[in-house]
Amino acid sequence: MRTAKRRTHDKAVVPTLAVCSNCGAMHIYHTVCPECGYYRGKLAIEKLAAKA
């Protein structure tokens, strides 16, 4: 019983997602978009183009 009381707040939480304003992909809040590399409308990481 004591262990159960101590661990009542230990649970998995779903991260909050946002829509990228540049490409429209979903990404986690306060992180750079993994698809295009933009953060808050500015280029943060330059992504290399995929070779065809």
PDB file of N, CA and C in Angstrom:
ATOM      1  N   MET A   1       0.826  -1.193   0.000  1.00  0.00           N
ATOM      2  CA  MET A   1       0.000   0.000   0.000  1.00  0.00           C
ATOM      3  C   MET A   1       0.869   1.256   0.000  1.00  0.00           C
ATOM      4  N   ARG A   2       1.921   1.259   0.806  1.00  0.00           N
ATOM      5  CA  ARG A   2       2.785   2.432   0.880  1.00  0.00           C
ATOM      6  C   ARG A   2       3.482   2.681  -0.462  1.00  0.00           C
ATOM      7  N   THR A   3       3.903   1.600  -1.142  1.00  0.00           N
ATOM      8  CA  THR A   3       4.543   1.737  -2.452  1.00  0.00           C
ATOM      9  C   THR A   3       3.555   2.299  -3.466  1.00  0.00           C
ATOM     10  N   ALA A   4       2.334   1.855  -3.425  1.00  0.00           N
ATOM     11  CA  ALA A   4       1.319   2.339  -4.355  1.00  0.00           C
ATOM     12  C   ALA A   4       1.052   3.831  -4.158  1.00  0.00           C
ATOM     13  N   LYS A   5       1.029   4.277  -2.917  1.00  0.00           N
ATOM     14  CA  LYS A   5       0.824   5.699  -2.640  1.00  0.00           C
ATOM     15  C   LYS A   5       1.991   6.539  -3.164  1.00  0.00           C
ATOM     16  N   ARG A   6       3.197   6.001  -3.026  1.00  0.00           N
ATOM     17  CA  ARG A   6       4.385   6.722  -3.428  1.00  0.00           C
ATOM     18  C   ARG A   6       4.478   6.841  -4.950  1.00  0.00           C
ATOM     19  N   ARG A   7       3.902   5.898  -5.668  1.00  0.00           N
ATOM     20  CA  ARG A   7       4.035   5.867  -7.125  1.00  0.00           C
ATOM     21  C   ARG A   7       2.776   6.295  -7.862  1.00  0.00           C
ATOM     22  N   THR A   8       1.876   6.995  -7.235  1.00  0.00           N
ATOM     23  CA  THR A   8       0.635   7.385  -7.898  1.00  0.00           C
ATOM     24  C   THR A   8       0.879   8.392  -9.016  1.00  0.00           C
ATOM     25  N   HIS A   9       1.938   9.192  -8.930  1.00  0.00           N
ATOM     26  CA  HIS A   9       2.212  10.196  -9.959  1.00  0.00           C
ATOM     27  C   HIS A   9       3.134   9.682 -11.054  1.00  0.00           C
ATOM     28  N   ASP A  10       3.670   8.456 -10.925  1.00  0.00           N
ATOM     29  CA  ASP A  10       4.552   7.879 -11.942  1.00  0.00           C
ATOM     30  C   ASP A  10       3.704   7.263 -13.044  1.00  0.00           C
ATOM     31  N   LYS A  11       3.552   7.975 -14.125  1.00  0.00           N
ATOM     32  CA  LYS A  11       2.763   7.469 -15.246  1.00  0.00           C
ATOM     33  C   LYS A  11       3.295   8.079 -16.531  1.00  0.00           C
ATOM     34  N   ALA A  12       2.996   7.458 -17.632  1.00  0.00           N
ATOM     35  CA  ALA A  12       3.417   7.952 -18.938  1.00  0.00           C
ATOM     36  C   ALA A  12       2.492   9.089 -19.361  1.00  0.00           C
ATOM     37  N   VAL A  13       3.086  10.162 -19.850  1.00  0.00           N
ATOM     38  CA  VAL A  13       2.300  11.282 -20.346  1.00  0.00           C
ATOM     39  C   VAL A  13       2.574  11.453 -21.837  1.00  0.00           C
ATOM     40  N   VAL A  14       1.535  11.788 -22.564  1.00  0.00           N
ATOM     41  CA  VAL A  14       1.649  12.003 -23.997  1.00  0.00           C
ATOM     42  C   VAL A  14       2.222  13.399 -24.228  1.00  0.00           C
ATOM     43  N   PRO A  15       3.285  13.535 -25.038  1.00  0.00           N
ATOM     44  CA  PRO A  15       3.844  14.864 -25.277  1.00  0.00           C
ATOM     45  C   PRO A  15       2.882  15.737 -26.080  1.00  0.00           C
ATOM     46  N   THR A  16       2.887  17.027 -25.798  1.00  0.00           N
ATOM     47  CA  THR A  16       2.030  17.965 -26.510  1.00  0.00           C
ATOM     48  C   THR A  16       2.632  18.228 -27.881  1.00  0.00           C
ATOM     49  N   LEU A  17       1.820  18.100 -28.909  1.00  0.00           N
ATOM     50  CA  LEU A  17       2.284  18.278 -30.282  1.00  0.00           C
ATOM     51  C   LEU A  17       1.828  19.617 -30.838  1.00  0.00           C
ATOM     52  N   ALA A  18       2.611  20.129 -31.775  1.00  0.00           N
ATOM     53  CA  ALA A  18       2.290  21.374 -32.454  1.00  0.00           C
ATOM     54  C   ALA A  18       2.412  21.152 -33.948  1.00  0.00           C
ATOM     55  N   VAL A  19       1.794  22.036 -34.721  1.00  0.00           N
ATOM     56  CA  VAL A  19       1.885  21.984 -36.177  1.00  0.00           C
ATOM     57  C   VAL A  19       2.957  22.969 -36.619  1.00  0.00           C
ATOM     58  N   CYS A  20       3.879  22.507 -37.445  1.00  0.00           N
ATOM     59  CA  CYS A  20       4.947  23.365 -37.949  1.00  0.00           C
ATOM     60  C   CYS A  20       4.343  24.429 -38.865  1.00  0.00           C
ATOM     61  N   SER A  21       4.732  25.687 -38.638  1.00  0.00           N
ATOM     62  CA  SER A  21       4.200  26.776 -39.448  1.00  0.00           C
ATOM     63  C   SER A  21       4.821  26.806 -40.841  1.00  0.00           C
ATOM     64  N   ASN A  22       5.941  26.124 -41.014  1.00  0.00           N
ATOM     65  CA  ASN A  22       6.616  26.127 -42.310  1.00  0.00           C
ATOM     66  C   ASN A  22       6.133  24.993 -43.217  1.00  0.00           C
ATOM     67  N   CYS A  23       6.141  23.755 -42.701  1.00  0.00           N
ATOM     68  CA  CYS A  23       5.808  22.611 -43.554  1.00  0.00           C
ATOM     69  C   CYS A  23       4.507  21.915 -43.164  1.00  0.00           C
ATOM     70  N   GLY A  24       3.972  22.200 -41.991  1.00  0.00           N
ATOM     71  CA  GLY A  24       2.713  21.594 -41.568  1.00  0.00           C
ATOM     72  C   GLY A  24       2.848  20.255 -40.875  1.00  0.00           C
ATOM     73  N   ALA A  25       4.067  19.794 -40.624  1.00  0.00           N
ATOM     74  CA  ALA A  25       4.280  18.512 -39.950  1.00  0.00           C
ATOM     75  C   ALA A  25       4.059  18.679 -38.446  1.00  0.00           C
ATOM     76  N   MET A  26       3.730  17.581 -37.786  1.00  0.00           N
ATOM     77  CA  MET A  26       3.557  17.598 -36.341  1.00  0.00           C
ATOM     78  C   MET A  26       4.911  17.408 -35.670  1.00  0.00           C
ATOM     79  N   HIS A  27       5.158  18.181 -34.602  1.00  0.00           N
ATOM     80  CA  HIS A  27       6.390  18.050 -33.832  1.00  0.00           C
ATOM     81  C   HIS A  27       6.097  18.399 -32.385  1.00  0.00           C
ATOM     82  N   ILE A  28       7.021  18.048 -31.484  1.00  0.00           N
ATOM     83  CA  ILE A  28       6.854  18.325 -30.066  1.00  0.00           C
ATOM     84  C   ILE A  28       7.079  19.814 -29.816  1.00  0.00           C
ATOM     85  N   TYR A  29       6.282  20.416 -28.907  1.00  0.00           N
ATOM     86  CA  TYR A  29       6.422  21.834 -28.567  1.00  0.00           C
ATOM     87  C   TYR A  29       7.854  22.163 -28.151  1.00  0.00           C
ATOM     88  N   HIS A  30       8.301  23.346 -28.473  1.00  0.00           N
ATOM     89  CA  HIS A  30       9.607  23.884 -28.087  1.00  0.00           C
ATOM     90  C   HIS A  30      10.770  23.069 -28.628  1.00  0.00           C
ATOM     91  N   THR A  31      10.579  22.416 -29.768  1.00  0.00           N
ATOM     92  CA  THR A  31      11.658  21.692 -30.421  1.00  0.00           C
ATOM     93  C   THR A  31      11.677  22.047 -31.899  1.00  0.00           C
ATOM     94  N   VAL A  32      12.797  21.821 -32.530  1.00  0.00           N
ATOM     95  CA  VAL A  32      12.948  22.070 -33.962  1.00  0.00           C
ATOM     96  C   VAL A  32      12.154  21.019 -34.721  1.00  0.00           C
ATOM     97  N   CYS A  33      11.530  21.423 -35.806  1.00  0.00           N
ATOM     98  CA  CYS A  33      10.761  20.495 -36.642  1.00  0.00           C
ATOM     99  C   CYS A  33      11.729  19.501 -37.280  1.00  0.00           C
ATOM    100  N   PRO A  34      11.497  18.195 -37.110  1.00  0.00           N
ATOM    101  CA  PRO A  34      12.406  17.208 -37.691  1.00  0.00           C
ATOM    102  C   PRO A  34      12.311  17.115 -39.207  1.00  0.00           C
ATOM    103  N   GLU A  35      11.228  17.604 -39.784  1.00  0.00           N
ATOM    104  CA  GLU A  35      11.038  17.509 -41.230  1.00  0.00           C
ATOM    105  C   GLU A  35      11.779  18.605 -41.987  1.00  0.00           C
ATOM    106  N   CYS A  36      11.646  19.853 -41.528  1.00  0.00           N
ATOM    107  CA  CYS A  36      12.215  20.970 -42.288  1.00  0.00           C
ATOM    108  C   CYS A  36      13.324  21.721 -41.560  1.00  0.00           C
ATOM    109  N   GLY A  37      13.445  21.551 -40.237  1.00  0.00           N
ATOM    110  CA  GLY A  37      14.514  22.203 -39.495  1.00  0.00           C
ATOM    111  C   GLY A  37      14.189  23.607 -39.029  1.00  0.00           C
ATOM    112  N   TYR A  38      12.930  24.020 -39.092  1.00  0.00           N
ATOM    113  CA  TYR A  38      12.535  25.356 -38.659  1.00  0.00           C
ATOM    114  C   TYR A  38      12.056  25.331 -37.214  1.00  0.00           C
ATOM    115  N   TYR A  39      12.270  26.438 -36.502  1.00  0.00           N
ATOM    116  CA  TYR A  39      11.756  26.617 -35.149  1.00  0.00           C
ATOM    117  C   TYR A  39      11.232  28.035 -35.040  1.00  0.00           C
ATOM    118  N   ARG A  40       9.967  28.181 -34.726  1.00  0.00           N
ATOM    119  CA  ARG A  40       9.283  29.473 -34.578  1.00  0.00           C
ATOM    120  C   ARG A  40       9.464  30.365 -35.799  1.00  0.00           C
ATOM    121  N   GLY A  41       9.371  29.778 -36.993  1.00  0.00           N
ATOM    122  CA  GLY A  41       9.426  30.547 -38.236  1.00  0.00           C
ATOM    123  C   GLY A  41      10.818  30.869 -38.726  1.00  0.00           C
ATOM    124  N   LYS A  42      11.851  30.406 -38.043  1.00  0.00           N
ATOM    125  CA  LYS A  42      13.227  30.686 -38.454  1.00  0.00           C
ATOM    126  C   LYS A  42      13.970  29.372 -38.672  1.00  0.00           C
ATOM    127  N   LEU A  43      14.890  29.383 -39.625  1.00  0.00           N
ATOM    128  CA  LEU A  43      15.676  28.186 -39.908  1.00  0.00           C
ATOM    129  C   LEU A  43      16.667  27.953 -38.770  1.00  0.00           C
ATOM    130  N   ALA A  44      16.555  26.802 -38.124  1.00  0.00           N
ATOM    131  CA  ALA A  44      17.415  26.489 -36.991  1.00  0.00           C
ATOM    132  C   ALA A  44      18.482  25.460 -37.398  1.00  0.00           C
ATOM    133  N   ILE A  45      18.082  24.462 -38.165  1.00  0.00           N
ATOM    134  CA  ILE A  45      18.994  23.410 -38.632  1.00  0.00           C
ATOM    135  C   ILE A  45      18.816  23.287 -40.120  1.00  0.00           C
ATOM    136  N   GLU A  46      19.916  23.393 -40.837  1.00  0.00           N
ATOM    137  CA  GLU A  46      19.832  23.244 -42.287  1.00  0.00           C
ATOM    138  C   GLU A  46      19.801  21.770 -42.624  1.00  0.00           C
ATOM    139  N   LYS A  47      18.746  21.357 -43.301  1.00  0.00           N
ATOM    140  CA  LYS A  47      18.569  19.951 -43.667  1.00  0.00           C
ATOM    141  C   LYS A  47      19.130  19.735 -45.068  1.00  0.00           C
ATOM    142  N   LEU A  48      19.771  18.599 -45.276  1.00  0.00           N
ATOM    143  CA  LEU A  48      20.287  18.261 -46.594  1.00  0.00           C
ATOM    144  C   LEU A  48      19.161  17.685 -47.444  1.00  0.00           C
ATOM    145  N   ALA A  49      19.171  18.038 -48.726  1.00  0.00           N
ATOM    146  CA  ALA A  49      18.147  17.522 -49.636  1.00  0.00           C
ATOM    147  C   ALA A  49      18.404  16.042 -49.913  1.00  0.00           C
ATOM    148  N   ALA A  50      17.331  15.283 -50.021  1.00  0.00           N
ATOM    149  CA  ALA A  50      17.453  13.856 -50.297  1.00  0.00           C
ATOM    150  C   ALA A  50      17.884  13.650 -51.736  1.00  0.00           C
ATOM    151  N   LYS A  51      18.863  12.777 -51.935  1.00  0.00           N
ATOM    152  CA  LYS A  51      19.341  12.497 -53.291  1.00  0.00           C
ATOM    153  C   LYS A  51      18.399  11.531 -53.964  1.00  0.00           C
ATOM    154  N   ALA A  52      18.041  11.843 -55.195  1.00  0.00           N
ATOM    155  CA  ALA A  52      17.073  11.001 -55.918  1.00  0.00           C
ATOM    156  C   ALA A  52      17.754   9.882 -56.653  1.00  0.00           C
TER     157      ALA A  52
END
